[in-house]
Amino acid sequence: MDFGQTFAGIDKSLTNVLGDDATLDINGDGVTVVQVKGLFEAPWLQPRIGSLNTEITEPQFTIDQSVDLSAVVEGTTTLTVRASVYDVVDLQPDGTGLTVLVLRPQ
């Protein structure tokens, strides 16, 4: 197993244990709904690393490569997490198997 595969496995394990449950509505109409797990971050949650504030300016949800995001349509797909609904406005794959979904509150 190479370095990238090792860390992909670690990311998946951490997400399964510590991640937030969410619902990804691919078409935003309640028909194609996928249950997902990932890391939800938002500026109003004041995420910190040690004593430093992170630079998060909009809510985002980080998801691993096990979820097929090929049908996601920016501006149409919605994500429900922590009882709030968000529009997915951008997908930002990081090249390591994680993708950040940039969100906008509805």
C-alpha atoms as a PDB file:
ATOM      1  CA  MET A   1       0.000   0.000   0.000  1.00  0.00           C
ATOM      2  CA  ASP A   2       1.408   3.399  -0.939  1.00  0.00           C
ATOM      3  CA  PHE A   3       1.433   6.576   1.142  1.00  0.00           C
ATOM      4  CA  GLY A   4      -1.719   8.033  -0.491  1.00  0.00           C
ATOM      5  CA  GLN A   5      -3.720   4.847   0.036  1.00  0.00           C
ATOM      6  CA  THR A   6      -2.646   4.694   3.667  1.00  0.00           C
ATOM      7  CA  PHE A   7      -3.873   8.213   4.369  1.00  0.00           C
ATOM      8  CA  ALA A   8      -7.096   7.669   2.406  1.00  0.00           C
ATOM      9  CA  GLY A   9      -7.806   4.761   4.759  1.00  0.00           C
ATOM     10  CA  ILE A  10      -7.041   6.908   7.801  1.00  0.00           C
ATOM     11  CA  ASP A  11      -9.296   9.717   6.487  1.00  0.00           C
ATOM     12  CA  LYS A  12     -12.157   7.259   5.950  1.00  0.00           C
ATOM     13  CA  SER A  13     -11.747   5.762   9.436  1.00  0.00           C
ATOM     14  CA  LEU A  14     -11.723   9.184  11.107  1.00  0.00           C
ATOM     15  CA  THR A  15     -14.734  10.331   9.102  1.00  0.00           C
ATOM     16  CA  ASN A  16     -16.694   7.215  10.064  1.00  0.00           C
ATOM     17  CA  VAL A  17     -16.009   7.799  13.758  1.00  0.00           C
ATOM     18  CA  LEU A  18     -15.991  11.596  14.049  1.00  0.00           C
ATOM     19  CA  GLY A  19     -17.869  12.779  10.965  1.00  0.00           C
ATOM     20  CA  ASP A  20     -21.209  14.514  10.680  1.00  0.00           C
ATOM     21  CA  ASP A  21     -24.165  12.681   9.142  1.00  0.00           C
ATOM     22  CA  ALA A  22     -25.711  14.513   6.201  1.00  0.00           C
ATOM     23  CA  THR A  23     -28.112  14.040   3.312  1.00  0.00           C
ATOM     24  CA  LEU A  24     -26.982  14.930  -0.200  1.00  0.00           C
ATOM     25  CA  ASP A  25     -29.955  15.644  -2.500  1.00  0.00           C
ATOM     26  CA  ILE A  26     -28.407  15.418  -5.956  1.00  0.00           C
ATOM     27  CA  ASN A  27     -31.191  17.168  -7.903  1.00  0.00           C
ATOM     28  CA  GLY A  28     -32.517  19.271  -5.033  1.00  0.00           C
ATOM     29  CA  ASP A  29     -35.970  17.704  -5.453  1.00  0.00           C
ATOM     30  CA  GLY A  30     -35.951  14.931  -2.847  1.00  0.00           C
ATOM     31  CA  VAL A  31     -35.796  12.131  -5.437  1.00  0.00           C
ATOM     32  CA  THR A  32     -32.096  11.181  -5.603  1.00  0.00           C
ATOM     33  CA  VAL A  33     -30.986  11.333  -1.974  1.00  0.00           C
ATOM     34  CA  VAL A  34     -27.730   9.887  -0.626  1.00  0.00           C
ATOM     35  CA  GLN A  35     -26.777   9.548   3.045  1.00  0.00           C
ATOM     36  CA  VAL A  36     -23.190  10.725   3.539  1.00  0.00           C
ATOM     37  CA  LYS A  37     -20.714  11.302   6.324  1.00  0.00           C
ATOM     38  CA  GLY A  38     -18.130  14.059   6.350  1.00  0.00           C
ATOM     39  CA  LEU A  39     -16.728  17.038   8.207  1.00  0.00           C
ATOM     40  CA  PHE A  40     -18.980  20.105   8.470  1.00  0.00           C
ATOM     41  CA  GLU A  41     -17.272  23.432   9.083  1.00  0.00           C
ATOM     42  CA  ALA A  42     -18.781  26.904   9.231  1.00  0.00           C
ATOM     43  CA  PRO A  43     -17.424  30.327  10.206  1.00  0.00           C
ATOM     44  CA  TRP A  44     -20.056  30.756  12.939  1.00  0.00           C
ATOM     45  CA  LEU A  45     -18.773  27.586  14.648  1.00  0.00           C
ATOM     46  CA  GLN A  46     -15.416  29.355  15.199  1.00  0.00           C
ATOM     47  CA  PRO A  47     -13.227  26.423  14.121  1.00  0.00           C
ATOM     48  CA  ARG A  48      -9.775  26.669  15.637  1.00  0.00           C
ATOM     49  CA  ILE A  49      -6.479  24.902  15.312  1.00  0.00           C
ATOM     50  CA  GLY A  50      -4.781  25.441  18.647  1.00  0.00           C
ATOM     51  CA  SER A  51      -5.132  29.144  19.327  1.00  0.00           C
ATOM     52  CA  LEU A  52      -5.335  30.156  15.641  1.00  0.00           C
ATOM     53  CA  ASN A  53      -8.621  30.823  13.856  1.00  0.00           C
ATOM     54  CA  THR A  54      -9.023  28.980  10.576  1.00  0.00           C
ATOM     55  CA  GLU A  55      -9.676  30.990   7.423  1.00  0.00           C
ATOM     56  CA  ILE A  56     -13.117  29.525   6.712  1.00  0.00           C
ATOM     57  CA  THR A  57     -15.328  32.194   5.133  1.00  0.00           C
ATOM     58  CA  GLU A  58     -18.294  30.043   4.051  1.00  0.00           C
ATOM     59  CA  PRO A  59     -19.776  26.783   5.305  1.00  0.00           C
ATOM     60  CA  GLN A  60     -18.238  23.666   3.817  1.00  0.00           C
ATOM     61  CA  PHE A  61     -18.535  19.906   4.027  1.00  0.00           C
ATOM     62  CA  THR A  62     -15.509  17.695   3.376  1.00  0.00           C
ATOM     63  CA  ILE A  63     -16.257  14.257   1.997  1.00  0.00           C
ATOM     64  CA  ASP A  64     -14.053  11.332   0.956  1.00  0.00           C
ATOM     65  CA  GLN A  65     -13.739   9.614  -2.411  1.00  0.00           C
ATOM     66  CA  SER A  66     -16.095   6.774  -1.454  1.00  0.00           C
ATOM     67  CA  VAL A  67     -19.043   9.028  -2.365  1.00  0.00           C
ATOM     68  CA  ASP A  68     -19.765   9.418  -6.085  1.00  0.00           C
ATOM     69  CA  LEU A  69     -20.049  13.159  -6.698  1.00  0.00           C
ATOM     70  CA  SER A  70     -20.170  12.934 -10.495  1.00  0.00           C
ATOM     71  CA  ALA A  71     -23.889  13.841 -10.650  1.00  0.00           C
ATOM     72  CA  VAL A  72     -23.612  16.845  -8.308  1.00  0.00           C
ATOM     73  CA  VAL A  73     -24.746  20.059  -9.999  1.00  0.00           C
ATOM     74  CA  GLU A  74     -23.446  23.252  -8.445  1.00  0.00           C
ATOM     75  CA  GLY A  75     -26.358  25.490  -7.470  1.00  0.00           C
ATOM     76  CA  THR A  76     -28.902  22.637  -7.749  1.00  0.00           C
ATOM     77  CA  THR A  77     -27.637  19.936  -5.377  1.00  0.00           C
ATOM     78  CA  THR A  78     -28.442  20.490  -1.702  1.00  0.00           C
ATOM     79  CA  LEU A  79     -26.898  19.169   1.489  1.00  0.00           C
ATOM     80  CA  THR A  80     -28.759  18.863   4.770  1.00  0.00           C
ATOM     81  CA  VAL A  81     -26.544  18.740   7.841  1.00  0.00           C
ATOM     82  CA  ARG A  82     -27.270  19.585  11.491  1.00  0.00           C
ATOM     83  CA  ALA A  83     -30.931  20.286  10.582  1.00  0.00           C
ATOM     84  CA  SER A  84     -29.993  23.021   8.080  1.00  0.00           C
ATOM     85  CA  VAL A  85     -30.217  22.943   4.287  1.00  0.00           C
ATOM     86  CA  TYR A  86     -27.450  24.323   2.072  1.00  0.00           C
ATOM     87  CA  ASP A  87     -26.969  24.710  -1.671  1.00  0.00           C
ATOM     88  CA  VAL A  88     -23.751  23.161  -2.980  1.00  0.00           C
ATOM     89  CA  VAL A  89     -22.117  26.040  -4.871  1.00  0.00           C
ATOM     90  CA  ASP A  90     -18.651  24.606  -5.574  1.00  0.00           C
ATOM     91  CA  LEU A  91     -16.723  21.330  -5.460  1.00  0.00           C
ATOM     92  CA  GLN A  92     -13.034  21.527  -4.599  1.00  0.00           C
ATOM     93  CA  PRO A  93     -11.216  18.182  -4.870  1.00  0.00           C
ATOM     94  CA  ASP A  94      -7.875  18.334  -3.100  1.00  0.00           C
ATOM     95  CA  GLY A  95      -6.090  15.620  -5.062  1.00  0.00           C
ATOM     96  CA  THR A  96      -5.775  13.310  -2.045  1.00  0.00           C
ATOM     97  CA  GLY A  97      -9.215  11.703  -2.193  1.00  0.00           C
ATOM     98  CA  LEU A  98     -11.082  14.408  -0.285  1.00  0.00           C
ATOM     99  CA  THR A  99     -13.487  16.916  -1.816  1.00  0.00           C
ATOM    100  CA  VAL A 100     -14.713  20.091  -0.152  1.00  0.00           C
ATOM    101  CA  LEU A 101     -18.309  21.003  -0.940  1.00  0.00           C
ATOM    102  CA  VAL A 102     -18.608  24.769  -0.599  1.00  0.00           C
ATOM    103  CA  LEU A 103     -22.082  25.569   0.727  1.00  0.00           C
ATOM    104  CA  ARG A 104     -24.517  28.485   0.801  1.00  0.00           C
ATOM    105  CA  PRO A 105     -27.320  28.540   3.401  1.00  0.00           C
ATOM    106  CA  GLN A 106     -30.796  28.400   1.870  1.00  0.00           C
END
